[in-house]
Amino acid sequence: MPIEIFKVPLENVPQRFDISIGGAQLAIESKFNTMLNSWVLSFFYANSGEVIVTNMPMVTGVDLFGQLKYLNVFSGKLIVYTDGDNFAVPTEQNLGQEANLFYVTES
């Protein structure tokens, strides 16, 4: 099966935008949580604003959507990757540059 990889267009500033991921129309919100020293993500249904998940830390080395499979919203995997180090957590400065978020599907 071919693998498709989509880079989610995040920047190292707090932001919120609508996006289509795996056929779902979503809103993504990112912000830096200084207490966790980590970027966190929140997902909402774009049309209703209904919350799917909030303040999910951007952890490397795991499928962020893995824990949400029971919701039947996401068909692929959401992976955080930092250039040159698979386990380096995105910093406040490098998100969207060396550290990125990818949506991965097998078609």
PDB file of N, CA and C in Angstrom:
ATOM      1  N   MET A   1       0.826  -1.181   0.000  1.00  0.00           N
ATOM      2  CA  MET A   1       0.000   0.000   0.000  1.00  0.00           C
ATOM      3  C   MET A   1       0.872   1.248   0.000  1.00  0.00           C
ATOM      4  N   PRO A   2       0.560   2.194  -0.861  1.00  0.00           N
ATOM      5  CA  PRO A   2       1.305   3.457  -0.849  1.00  0.00           C
ATOM      6  C   PRO A   2       0.986   4.272   0.403  1.00  0.00           C
ATOM      7  N   ILE A   3       1.993   4.953   0.888  1.00  0.00           N
ATOM      8  CA  ILE A   3       1.824   5.813   2.057  1.00  0.00           C
ATOM      9  C   ILE A   3       1.754   7.254   1.582  1.00  0.00           C
ATOM     10  N   GLU A   4       0.780   7.990   2.096  1.00  0.00           N
ATOM     11  CA  GLU A   4       0.651   9.408   1.790  1.00  0.00           C
ATOM     12  C   GLU A   4       0.981  10.203   3.046  1.00  0.00           C
ATOM     13  N   ILE A   5       1.797  11.225   2.863  1.00  0.00           N
ATOM     14  CA  ILE A   5       2.225  12.062   3.982  1.00  0.00           C
ATOM     15  C   ILE A   5       1.846  13.510   3.689  1.00  0.00           C
ATOM     16  N   PHE A   6       1.130  14.115   4.633  1.00  0.00           N
ATOM     17  CA  PHE A   6       0.714  15.515   4.512  1.00  0.00           C
ATOM     18  C   PHE A   6       1.303  16.291   5.679  1.00  0.00           C
ATOM     19  N   LYS A   7       2.052  17.341   5.371  1.00  0.00           N
ATOM     20  CA  LYS A   7       2.617  18.200   6.420  1.00  0.00           C
ATOM     21  C   LYS A   7       1.569  19.209   6.851  1.00  0.00           C
ATOM     22  N   VAL A   8       1.211  19.186   8.120  1.00  0.00           N
ATOM     23  CA  VAL A   8       0.252  20.145   8.676  1.00  0.00           C
ATOM     24  C   VAL A   8       0.988  21.477   8.835  1.00  0.00           C
ATOM     25  N   PRO A   9       0.453  22.546   8.242  1.00  0.00           N
ATOM     26  CA  PRO A   9       1.184  23.822   8.196  1.00  0.00           C
ATOM     27  C   PRO A   9       1.157  24.609   9.509  1.00  0.00           C
ATOM     28  N   LEU A  10       1.974  24.158  10.454  1.00  0.00           N
ATOM     29  CA  LEU A  10       2.075  24.852  11.737  1.00  0.00           C
ATOM     30  C   LEU A  10       3.248  25.824  11.715  1.00  0.00           C
ATOM     31  N   GLU A  11       3.124  26.862  12.506  1.00  0.00           N
ATOM     32  CA  GLU A  11       4.188  27.840  12.700  1.00  0.00           C
ATOM     33  C   GLU A  11       4.460  27.955  14.195  1.00  0.00           C
ATOM     34  N   ASN A  12       5.557  28.615  14.557  1.00  0.00           N
ATOM     35  CA  ASN A  12       5.915  28.717  15.972  1.00  0.00           C
ATOM     36  C   ASN A  12       5.268  29.922  16.658  1.00  0.00           C
ATOM     37  N   VAL A  13       4.004  30.124  16.341  1.00  0.00           N
ATOM     38  CA  VAL A  13       3.162  31.118  17.002  1.00  0.00           C
ATOM     39  C   VAL A  13       1.817  30.457  17.283  1.00  0.00           C
ATOM     40  N   PRO A  14       1.114  30.884  18.322  1.00  0.00           N
ATOM     41  CA  PRO A  14      -0.223  30.325  18.542  1.00  0.00           C
ATOM     42  C   PRO A  14      -1.095  30.594  17.321  1.00  0.00           C
ATOM     43  N   GLN A  15      -1.870  29.596  16.932  1.00  0.00           N
ATOM     44  CA  GLN A  15      -2.714  29.769  15.754  1.00  0.00           C
ATOM     45  C   GLN A  15      -3.909  28.835  15.808  1.00  0.00           C
ATOM     46  N   ARG A  16      -4.893  29.178  14.988  1.00  0.00           N
ATOM     47  CA  ARG A  16      -6.075  28.332  14.820  1.00  0.00           C
ATOM     48  C   ARG A  16      -6.501  28.459  13.364  1.00  0.00           C
ATOM     49  N   PHE A  17      -6.745  27.314  12.720  1.00  0.00           N
ATOM     50  CA  PHE A  17      -7.151  27.318  11.318  1.00  0.00           C
ATOM     51  C   PHE A  17      -7.950  26.068  10.998  1.00  0.00           C
ATOM     52  N   ASP A  18      -8.734  26.154   9.935  1.00  0.00           N
ATOM     53  CA  ASP A  18      -9.516  25.013   9.457  1.00  0.00           C
ATOM     54  C   ASP A  18      -8.681  24.213   8.483  1.00  0.00           C
ATOM     55  N   ILE A  19      -8.899  22.888   8.503  1.00  0.00           N
ATOM     56  CA  ILE A  19      -8.134  21.989   7.639  1.00  0.00           C
ATOM     57  C   ILE A  19      -8.942  20.715   7.409  1.00  0.00           C
ATOM     58  N   SER A  20      -8.745  20.101   6.258  1.00  0.00           N
ATOM     59  CA  SER A  20      -9.352  18.807   5.973  1.00  0.00           C
ATOM     60  C   SER A  20      -8.296  17.733   6.203  1.00  0.00           C
ATOM     61  N   ILE A  21      -8.565  16.834   7.134  1.00  0.00           N
ATOM     62  CA  ILE A  21      -7.644  15.741   7.436  1.00  0.00           C
ATOM     63  C   ILE A  21      -8.419  14.434   7.367  1.00  0.00           C
ATOM     64  N   GLY A  22      -8.001  13.565   6.473  1.00  0.00           N
ATOM     65  CA  GLY A  22      -8.643  12.259   6.355  1.00  0.00           C
ATOM     66  C   GLY A  22     -10.119  12.338   6.065  1.00  0.00           C
ATOM     67  N   GLY A  23     -10.540  13.346   5.335  1.00  0.00           N
ATOM     68  CA  GLY A  23     -11.944  13.505   4.996  1.00  0.00           C
ATOM     69  C   GLY A  23     -12.763  14.237   6.042  1.00  0.00           C
ATOM     70  N   ALA A  24     -12.166  14.541   7.184  1.00  0.00           N
ATOM     71  CA  ALA A  24     -12.875  15.271   8.240  1.00  0.00           C
ATOM     72  C   ALA A  24     -12.515  16.757   8.150  1.00  0.00           C
ATOM     73  N   GLN A  25     -13.520  17.614   8.241  1.00  0.00           N
ATOM     74  CA  GLN A  25     -13.299  19.060   8.256  1.00  0.00           C
ATOM     75  C   GLN A  25     -13.094  19.488   9.706  1.00  0.00           C
ATOM     76  N   LEU A  26     -11.862  19.892  10.019  1.00  0.00           N
ATOM     77  CA  LEU A  26     -11.491  20.182  11.395  1.00  0.00           C
ATOM     78  C   LEU A  26     -10.932  21.583  11.539  1.00  0.00           C
ATOM     79  N   ALA A  27     -10.926  22.049  12.760  1.00  0.00           N
ATOM     80  CA  ALA A  27     -10.175  23.244  13.137  1.00  0.00           C
ATOM     81  C   ALA A  27      -9.078  22.761  14.081  1.00  0.00           C
ATOM     82  N   ILE A  28      -7.866  23.251  13.846  1.00  0.00           N
ATOM     83  CA  ILE A  28      -6.730  22.923  14.708  1.00  0.00           C
ATOM     84  C   ILE A  28      -6.290  24.195  15.413  1.00  0.00           C
ATOM     85  N   GLU A  29      -6.023  24.051  16.688  1.00  0.00           N
ATOM     86  CA  GLU A  29      -5.480  25.160  17.458  1.00  0.00           C
ATOM     87  C   GLU A  29      -4.161  24.694  18.070  1.00  0.00           C
ATOM     88  N   SER A  30      -3.120  25.489  17.928  1.00  0.00           N
ATOM     89  CA  SER A  30      -1.836  25.169  18.556  1.00  0.00           C
ATOM     90  C   SER A  30      -1.418  26.332  19.439  1.00  0.00           C
ATOM     91  N   LYS A  31      -0.800  25.994  20.551  1.00  0.00           N
ATOM     92  CA  LYS A  31      -0.265  27.017  21.442  1.00  0.00           C
ATOM     93  C   LYS A  31       0.844  26.395  22.278  1.00  0.00           C
ATOM     94  N   PHE A  32       1.735  27.239  22.758  1.00  0.00           N
ATOM     95  CA  PHE A  32       2.832  26.756  23.584  1.00  0.00           C
ATOM     96  C   PHE A  32       2.413  26.838  25.044  1.00  0.00           C
ATOM     97  N   ASN A  33       2.518  25.711  25.747  1.00  0.00           N
ATOM     98  CA  ASN A  33       2.169  25.648  27.160  1.00  0.00           C
ATOM     99  C   ASN A  33       3.468  25.765  27.954  1.00  0.00           C
ATOM    100  N   THR A  34       3.668  26.895  28.600  1.00  0.00           N
ATOM    101  CA  THR A  34       4.929  27.137  29.306  1.00  0.00           C
ATOM    102  C   THR A  34       5.091  26.221  30.517  1.00  0.00           C
ATOM    103  N   MET A  35       4.008  25.820  31.154  1.00  0.00           N
ATOM    104  CA  MET A  35       4.111  24.923  32.312  1.00  0.00           C
ATOM    105  C   MET A  35       4.595  23.539  31.886  1.00  0.00           C
ATOM    106  N   LEU A  36       4.156  23.074  30.714  1.00  0.00           N
ATOM    107  CA  LEU A  36       4.605  21.778  30.195  1.00  0.00           C
ATOM    108  C   LEU A  36       5.881  21.903  29.379  1.00  0.00           C
ATOM    109  N   ASN A  37       6.236  23.138  29.016  1.00  0.00           N
ATOM    110  CA  ASN A  37       7.345  23.408  28.095  1.00  0.00           C
ATOM    111  C   ASN A  37       7.143  22.607  26.810  1.00  0.00           C
ATOM    112  N   SER A  38       5.912  22.676  26.293  1.00  0.00           N
ATOM    113  CA  SER A  38       5.545  21.887  25.118  1.00  0.00           C
ATOM    114  C   SER A  38       4.439  22.587  24.340  1.00  0.00           C
ATOM    115  N   TRP A  39       4.453  22.347  23.032  1.00  0.00           N
ATOM    116  CA  TRP A  39       3.325  22.753  22.201  1.00  0.00           C
ATOM    117  C   TRP A  39       2.178  21.796  22.461  1.00  0.00           C
ATOM    118  N   VAL A  40       0.960  22.322  22.490  1.00  0.00           N
ATOM    119  CA  VAL A  40      -0.223  21.484  22.631  1.00  0.00           C
ATOM    120  C   VAL A  40      -1.187  21.785  21.486  1.00  0.00           C
ATOM    121  N   LEU A  41      -1.950  20.768  21.126  1.00  0.00           N
ATOM    122  CA  LEU A  41      -2.912  20.875  20.029  1.00  0.00           C
ATOM    123  C   LEU A  41      -4.315  20.632  20.537  1.00  0.00           C
ATOM    124  N   SER A  42      -5.255  21.335  19.950  1.00  0.00           N
ATOM    125  CA  SER A  42      -6.677  21.086  20.195  1.00  0.00           C
ATOM    126  C   SER A  42      -7.340  20.904  18.837  1.00  0.00           C
ATOM    127  N   PHE A  43      -8.316  20.006  18.769  1.00  0.00           N
ATOM    128  CA  PHE A  43      -9.043  19.726  17.536  1.00  0.00           C
ATOM    129  C   PHE A  43     -10.532  19.927  17.773  1.00  0.00           C
ATOM    130  N   PHE A  44     -11.181  20.549  16.783  1.00  0.00           N
ATOM    131  CA  PHE A  44     -12.606  20.843  16.836  1.00  0.00           C
ATOM    132  C   PHE A  44     -13.218  20.479  15.484  1.00  0.00           C
ATOM    133  N   TYR A  45     -14.518  20.191  15.468  1.00  0.00           N
ATOM    134  CA  TYR A  45     -15.215  20.067  14.191  1.00  0.00           C
ATOM    135  C   TYR A  45     -15.350  21.476  13.629  1.00  0.00           C
ATOM    136  N   ALA A  46     -14.911  21.667  12.385  1.00  0.00           N
ATOM    137  CA  ALA A  46     -14.876  23.003  11.791  1.00  0.00           C
ATOM    138  C   ALA A  46     -16.260  23.622  11.668  1.00  0.00           C
ATOM    139  N   ASN A  47     -17.259  22.820  11.299  1.00  0.00           N
ATOM    140  CA  ASN A  47     -18.592  23.387  11.044  1.00  0.00           C
ATOM    141  C   ASN A  47     -19.354  23.746  12.314  1.00  0.00           C
ATOM    142  N   SER A  48     -19.139  23.006  13.396  1.00  0.00           N
ATOM    143  CA  SER A  48     -19.909  23.261  14.615  1.00  0.00           C
ATOM    144  C   SER A  48     -19.088  23.860  15.747  1.00  0.00           C
ATOM    145  N   GLY A  49     -17.769  23.718  15.670  1.00  0.00           N
ATOM    146  CA  GLY A  49     -16.924  24.176  16.765  1.00  0.00           C
ATOM    147  C   GLY A  49     -16.871  23.210  17.933  1.00  0.00           C
ATOM    148  N   GLU A  50     -17.577  22.066  17.807  1.00  0.00           N
ATOM    149  CA  GLU A  50     -17.607  21.060  18.866  1.00  0.00           C
ATOM    150  C   GLU A  50     -16.197  20.528  19.119  1.00  0.00           C
ATOM    151  N   VAL A  51     -15.841  20.410  20.381  1.00  0.00           N
ATOM    152  CA  VAL A  51     -14.514  19.961  20.786  1.00  0.00           C
ATOM    153  C   VAL A  51     -14.354  18.463  20.543  1.00  0.00           C
ATOM    154  N   ILE A  52     -13.221  18.085  19.951  1.00  0.00           N
ATOM    155  CA  ILE A  52     -12.854  16.675  19.815  1.00  0.00           C
ATOM    156  C   ILE A  52     -11.848  16.322  20.906  1.00  0.00           C
ATOM    157  N   VAL A  53     -10.787  17.103  21.000  1.00  0.00           N
ATOM    158  CA  VAL A  53      -9.780  16.916  22.047  1.00  0.00           C
ATOM    159  C   VAL A  53      -9.071  18.253  22.251  1.00  0.00           C
ATOM    160  N   THR A  54      -8.690  18.547  23.488  1.00  0.00           N
ATOM    161  CA  THR A  54      -7.996  19.802  23.767  1.00  0.00           C
ATOM    162  C   THR A  54      -6.681  19.543  24.490  1.00  0.00           C
ATOM    163  N   ASN A  55      -5.749  20.431  24.244  1.00  0.00           N
ATOM    164  CA  ASN A  55      -4.462  20.469  24.952  1.00  0.00           C
ATOM    165  C   ASN A  55      -3.693  19.153  24.903  1.00  0.00           C
ATOM    166  N   MET A  56      -3.644  18.541  23.707  1.00  0.00           N
ATOM    167  CA  MET A  56      -2.884  17.311  23.501  1.00  0.00           C
ATOM    168  C   MET A  56      -1.411  17.692  23.274  1.00  0.00           C
ATOM    169  N   PRO A  57      -0.507  17.264  24.175  1.00  0.00           N
ATOM    170  CA  PRO A  57       0.905  17.602  23.977  1.00  0.00           C
ATOM    171  C   PRO A  57       1.452  16.991  22.683  1.00  0.00           C
ATOM    172  N   MET A  58       2.328  17.729  22.026  1.00  0.00           N
ATOM    173  CA  MET A  58       2.985  17.235  20.810  1.00  0.00           C
ATOM    174  C   MET A  58       4.155  16.349  21.216  1.00  0.00           C
ATOM    175  N   VAL A  59       3.859  15.082  21.418  1.00  0.00           N
ATOM    176  CA  VAL A  59       4.833  14.087  21.848  1.00  0.00           C
ATOM    177  C   VAL A  59       5.409  13.410  20.612  1.00  0.00           C
ATOM    178  N   THR A  60       6.715  13.212  20.589  1.00  0.00           N
ATOM    179  CA  THR A  60       7.345  12.523  19.468  1.00  0.00           C
ATOM    180  C   THR A  60       7.358  11.016  19.715  1.00  0.00           C
ATOM    181  N   GLY A  61       7.482  10.262  18.621  1.00  0.00           N
ATOM    182  CA  GLY A  61       7.634   8.811  18.724  1.00  0.00           C
ATOM    183  C   GLY A  61       6.345   8.035  18.878  1.00  0.00           C
ATOM    184  N   VAL A  62       5.188   8.712  18.800  1.00  0.00           N
ATOM    185  CA  VAL A  62       3.894   8.027  18.927  1.00  0.00           C
ATOM    186  C   VAL A  62       2.913   8.602  17.913  1.00  0.00           C
ATOM    187  N   ASP A  63       1.841   7.863  17.664  1.00  0.00           N
ATOM    188  CA  ASP A  63       0.729   8.361  16.858  1.00  0.00           C
ATOM    189  C   ASP A  63      -0.193   9.142  17.792  1.00  0.00           C
ATOM    190  N   LEU A  64      -0.243  10.462  17.636  1.00  0.00           N
ATOM    191  CA  LEU A  64      -1.083  11.274  18.518  1.00  0.00           C
ATOM    192  C   LEU A  64      -2.553  10.902  18.415  1.00  0.00           C
ATOM    193  N   PHE A  65      -2.984  10.429  17.238  1.00  0.00           N
ATOM    194  CA  PHE A  65      -4.380  10.023  17.073  1.00  0.00           C
ATOM    195  C   PHE A  65      -4.644   8.612  17.603  1.00  0.00           C
ATOM    196  N   GLY A  66      -3.593   7.860  17.931  1.00  0.00           N
ATOM    197  CA  GLY A  66      -3.754   6.474  18.382  1.00  0.00           C
ATOM    198  C   GLY A  66      -4.718   6.327  19.540  1.00  0.00           C
ATOM    199  N   GLN A  67      -4.652   7.236  20.487  1.00  0.00           N
ATOM    200  CA  GLN A  67      -5.516   7.165  21.661  1.00  0.00           C
ATOM    201  C   GLN A  67      -6.957   7.592  21.366  1.00  0.00           C
ATOM    202  N   LEU A  68      -7.194   8.102  20.146  1.00  0.00           N
ATOM    203  CA  LEU A  68      -8.524   8.612  19.791  1.00  0.00           C
ATOM    204  C   LEU A  68      -9.244   7.763  18.750  1.00  0.00           C
ATOM    205  N   LYS A  69      -8.717   6.580  18.440  1.00  0.00           N
ATOM    206  CA  LYS A  69      -9.307   5.729  17.391  1.00  0.00           C
ATOM    207  C   LYS A  69     -10.775   5.407  17.677  1.00  0.00           C
ATOM    208  N   TYR A  70     -11.132   5.298  18.939  1.00  0.00           N
ATOM    209  CA  TYR A  70     -12.510   4.951  19.303  1.00  0.00           C
ATOM    210  C   TYR A  70     -13.521   6.014  18.860  1.00  0.00           C
ATOM    211  N   LEU A  71     -13.059   7.224  18.555  1.00  0.00           N
ATOM    212  CA  LEU A  71     -13.953   8.293  18.109  1.00  0.00           C
ATOM    213  C   LEU A  71     -14.367   8.149  16.643  1.00  0.00           C
ATOM    214  N   ASN A  72     -13.629   7.340  15.891  1.00  0.00           N
ATOM    215  CA  ASN A  72     -13.886   7.138  14.457  1.00  0.00           C
ATOM    216  C   ASN A  72     -13.892   8.452  13.673  1.00  0.00           C
ATOM    217  N   VAL A  73     -13.030   9.369  14.045  1.00  0.00           N
ATOM    218  CA  VAL A  73     -12.901  10.651  13.349  1.00  0.00           C
ATOM    219  C   VAL A  73     -11.694  10.625  12.422  1.00  0.00           C
ATOM    220  N   PHE A  74     -10.607  10.016  12.891  1.00  0.00           N
ATOM    221  CA  PHE A  74      -9.335  10.061  12.186  1.00  0.00           C
ATOM    222  C   PHE A  74      -8.988   8.699  11.614  1.00  0.00           C
ATOM    223  N   SER A  75      -8.691   8.653  10.324  1.00  0.00           N
ATOM    224  CA  SER A  75      -8.358   7.378   9.701  1.00  0.00           C
ATOM    225  C   SER A  75      -6.851   7.152   9.607  1.00  0.00           C
ATOM    226  N   GLY A  76      -6.057   8.178   9.762  1.00  0.00           N
ATOM    227  CA  GLY A  76      -4.606   8.054   9.631  1.00  0.00           C
ATOM    228  C   GLY A  76      -3.909   8.269  10.960  1.00  0.00           C
ATOM    229  N   LYS A  77      -2.616   8.525  10.863  1.00  0.00           N
ATOM    230  CA  LYS A  77      -1.787   8.756  12.045  1.00  0.00           C
ATOM    231  C   LYS A  77      -1.299  10.204  12.037  1.00  0.00           C
ATOM    232  N   LEU A  78      -1.123  10.749  13.214  1.00  0.00           N
ATOM    233  CA  LEU A  78      -0.577  12.089  13.374  1.00  0.00           C
ATOM    234  C   LEU A  78       0.758  11.959  14.093  1.00  0.00           C
ATOM    235  N   ILE A  79       1.825  12.331  13.393  1.00  0.00           N
ATOM    236  CA  ILE A  79       3.179  12.094  13.878  1.00  0.00           C
ATOM    237  C   ILE A  79       3.936  13.416  13.985  1.00  0.00           C
ATOM    238  N   VAL A  80       4.647  13.601  15.091  1.00  0.00           N
ATOM    239  CA  VAL A  80       5.533  14.748  15.279  1.00  0.00           C
ATOM    240  C   VAL A  80       6.950  14.276  14.976  1.00  0.00           C
ATOM    241  N   TYR A  81       7.657  15.025  14.155  1.00  0.00           N
ATOM    242  CA  TYR A  81       9.018  14.646  13.778  1.00  0.00           C
ATOM    243  C   TYR A  81       9.916  15.883  13.794  1.00  0.00           C
ATOM    244  N   THR A  82      11.085  15.734  14.401  1.00  0.00           N
ATOM    245  CA  THR A  82      12.083  16.798  14.417  1.00  0.00           C
ATOM    246  C   THR A  82      13.276  16.341  13.597  1.00  0.00           C
ATOM    247  N   ASP A  83      13.679  17.150  12.635  1.00  0.00           N
ATOM    248  CA  ASP A  83      14.799  16.813  11.754  1.00  0.00           C
ATOM    249  C   ASP A  83      16.020  16.385  12.555  1.00  0.00           C
ATOM    250  N   GLY A  84      16.586  15.233  12.184  1.00  0.00           N
ATOM    251  CA  GLY A  84      17.827  14.779  12.794  1.00  0.00           C
ATOM    252  C   GLY A  84      17.680  14.091  14.134  1.00  0.00           C
ATOM    253  N   ASP A  85      16.492  14.131  14.747  1.00  0.00           N
ATOM    254  CA  ASP A  85      16.300  13.487  16.054  1.00  0.00           C
ATOM    255  C   ASP A  85      14.837  13.092  16.198  1.00  0.00           C
ATOM    256  N   ASN A  86      14.548  11.814  16.004  1.00  0.00           N
ATOM    257  CA  ASN A  86      13.168  11.307  16.053  1.00  0.00           C
ATOM    258  C   ASN A  86      12.468  11.567  17.377  1.00  0.00           C
ATOM    259  N   PHE A  87      13.229  11.800  18.445  1.00  0.00           N
ATOM    260  CA  PHE A  87      12.618  11.925  19.759  1.00  0.00           C
ATOM    261  C   PHE A  87      12.716  13.325  20.358  1.00  0.00           C
ATOM    262  N   ALA A  88      13.241  14.289  19.604  1.00  0.00           N
ATOM    263  CA  ALA A  88      13.336  15.662  20.102  1.00  0.00           C
ATOM    264  C   ALA A  88      11.958  16.320  20.033  1.00  0.00           C
ATOM    265  N   VAL A  89      11.517  16.805  21.149  1.00  0.00           N
ATOM    266  CA  VAL A  89      10.228  17.483  21.242  1.00  0.00           C
ATOM    267  C   VAL A  89      10.342  18.873  20.612  1.00  0.00           C
ATOM    268  N   PRO A  90       9.323  19.321  19.883  1.00  0.00           N
ATOM    269  CA  PRO A  90       9.386  20.670  19.310  1.00  0.00           C
ATOM    270  C   PRO A  90       9.580  21.727  20.394  1.00  0.00           C
ATOM    271  N   THR A  91      10.452  22.658  20.109  1.00  0.00           N
ATOM    272  CA  THR A  91      10.675  23.753  21.049  1.00  0.00           C
ATOM    273  C   THR A  91       9.762  24.921  20.680  1.00  0.00           C
ATOM    274  N   GLU A  92       9.745  25.909  21.534  1.00  0.00           N
ATOM    275  CA  GLU A  92       8.924  27.085  21.265  1.00  0.00           C
ATOM    276  C   GLU A  92       9.357  27.779  19.976  1.00  0.00           C
ATOM    277  N   GLN A  93      10.648  27.668  19.637  1.00  0.00           N
ATOM    278  CA  GLN A  93      11.187  28.357  18.474  1.00  0.00           C
ATOM    279  C   GLN A  93      11.165  27.528  17.184  1.00  0.00           C
ATOM    280  N   ASN A  94      11.271  26.187  17.247  1.00  0.00           N
ATOM    281  CA  ASN A  94      11.488  25.422  16.015  1.00  0.00           C
ATOM    282  C   ASN A  94      10.256  24.763  15.400  1.00  0.00           C
ATOM    283  N   LEU A  95       9.077  24.947  15.984  1.00  0.00           N
ATOM    284  CA  LEU A  95       7.872  24.359  15.393  1.00  0.00           C
ATOM    285  C   LEU A  95       7.620  24.973  14.017  1.00  0.00           C
ATOM    286  N   GLY A  96       7.373  24.110  13.042  1.00  0.00           N
ATOM    287  CA  GLY A  96       7.148  24.571  11.683  1.00  0.00           C
ATOM    288  C   GLY A  96       8.424  24.766  10.892  1.00  0.00           C
ATOM    289  N   GLN A  97       9.551  24.573  11.546  1.00  0.00           N
ATOM    290  CA  GLN A  97      10.848  24.681  10.879  1.00  0.00           C
ATOM    291  C   GLN A  97      11.524  23.309  10.932  1.00  0.00           C
ATOM    292  N   GLU A  98      12.308  23.035  11.972  1.00  0.00           N
ATOM    293  CA  GLU A  98      12.918  21.708  12.121  1.00  0.00           C
ATOM    294  C   GLU A  98      11.921  20.690  12.660  1.00  0.00           C
ATOM    295  N   ALA A  99      10.981  21.129  13.462  1.00  0.00           N
ATOM    296  CA  ALA A  99       9.975  20.245  14.057  1.00  0.00           C
ATOM    297  C   ALA A  99       8.645  20.439  13.339  1.00  0.00           C
ATOM    298  N   ASN A 100       8.066  19.322  12.895  1.00  0.00           N
ATOM    299  CA  ASN A 100       6.843  19.407  12.102  1.00  0.00           C
ATOM    300  C   ASN A 100       5.838  18.330  12.488  1.00  0.00           C
ATOM    301  N   LEU A 101       4.616  18.550  12.060  1.00  0.00           N
ATOM    302  CA  LEU A 101       3.508  17.645  12.313  1.00  0.00           C
ATOM    303  C   LEU A 101       3.061  17.062  10.989  1.00  0.00           C
ATOM    304  N   PHE A 102       2.939  15.736  10.929  1.00  0.00           N
ATOM    305  CA  PHE A 102       2.575  15.061   9.683  1.00  0.00           C
ATOM    306  C   PHE A 102       1.354  14.176   9.889  1.00  0.00           C
ATOM    307  N   TYR A 103       0.448  14.213   8.916  1.00  0.00           N
ATOM    308  CA  TYR A 103      -0.687  13.299   8.879  1.00  0.00           C
ATOM    309  C   TYR A 103      -0.326  12.214   7.859  1.00  0.00           C
ATOM    310  N   VAL A 104      -0.342  10.954   8.275  1.00  0.00           N
ATOM    311  CA  VAL A 104       0.114   9.846   7.451  1.00  0.00           C
ATOM    312  C   VAL A 104      -1.025   8.854   7.260  1.00  0.00           C
ATOM    313  N   THR A 105      -1.260   8.485   5.987  1.00  0.00           N
ATOM    314  CA  THR A 105      -2.286   7.488   5.684  1.00  0.00           C
ATOM    315  C   THR A 105      -1.702   6.445   4.734  1.00  0.00           C
ATOM    316  N   GLU A 106      -2.285   5.260   4.765  1.00  0.00           N
ATOM    317  CA  GLU A 106      -1.984   4.224   3.776  1.00  0.00           C
ATOM    318  C   GLU A 106      -3.178   4.128   2.866  1.00  0.00           C
ATOM    319  N   SER A 107      -2.951   4.295   1.569  1.00  0.00           N
ATOM    320  CA  SER A 107      -4.101   4.257   0.646  1.00  0.00           C
ATOM    321  C   SER A 107      -4.117   2.970  -0.142  1.00  0.00           C
TER     322      SER A 107
END
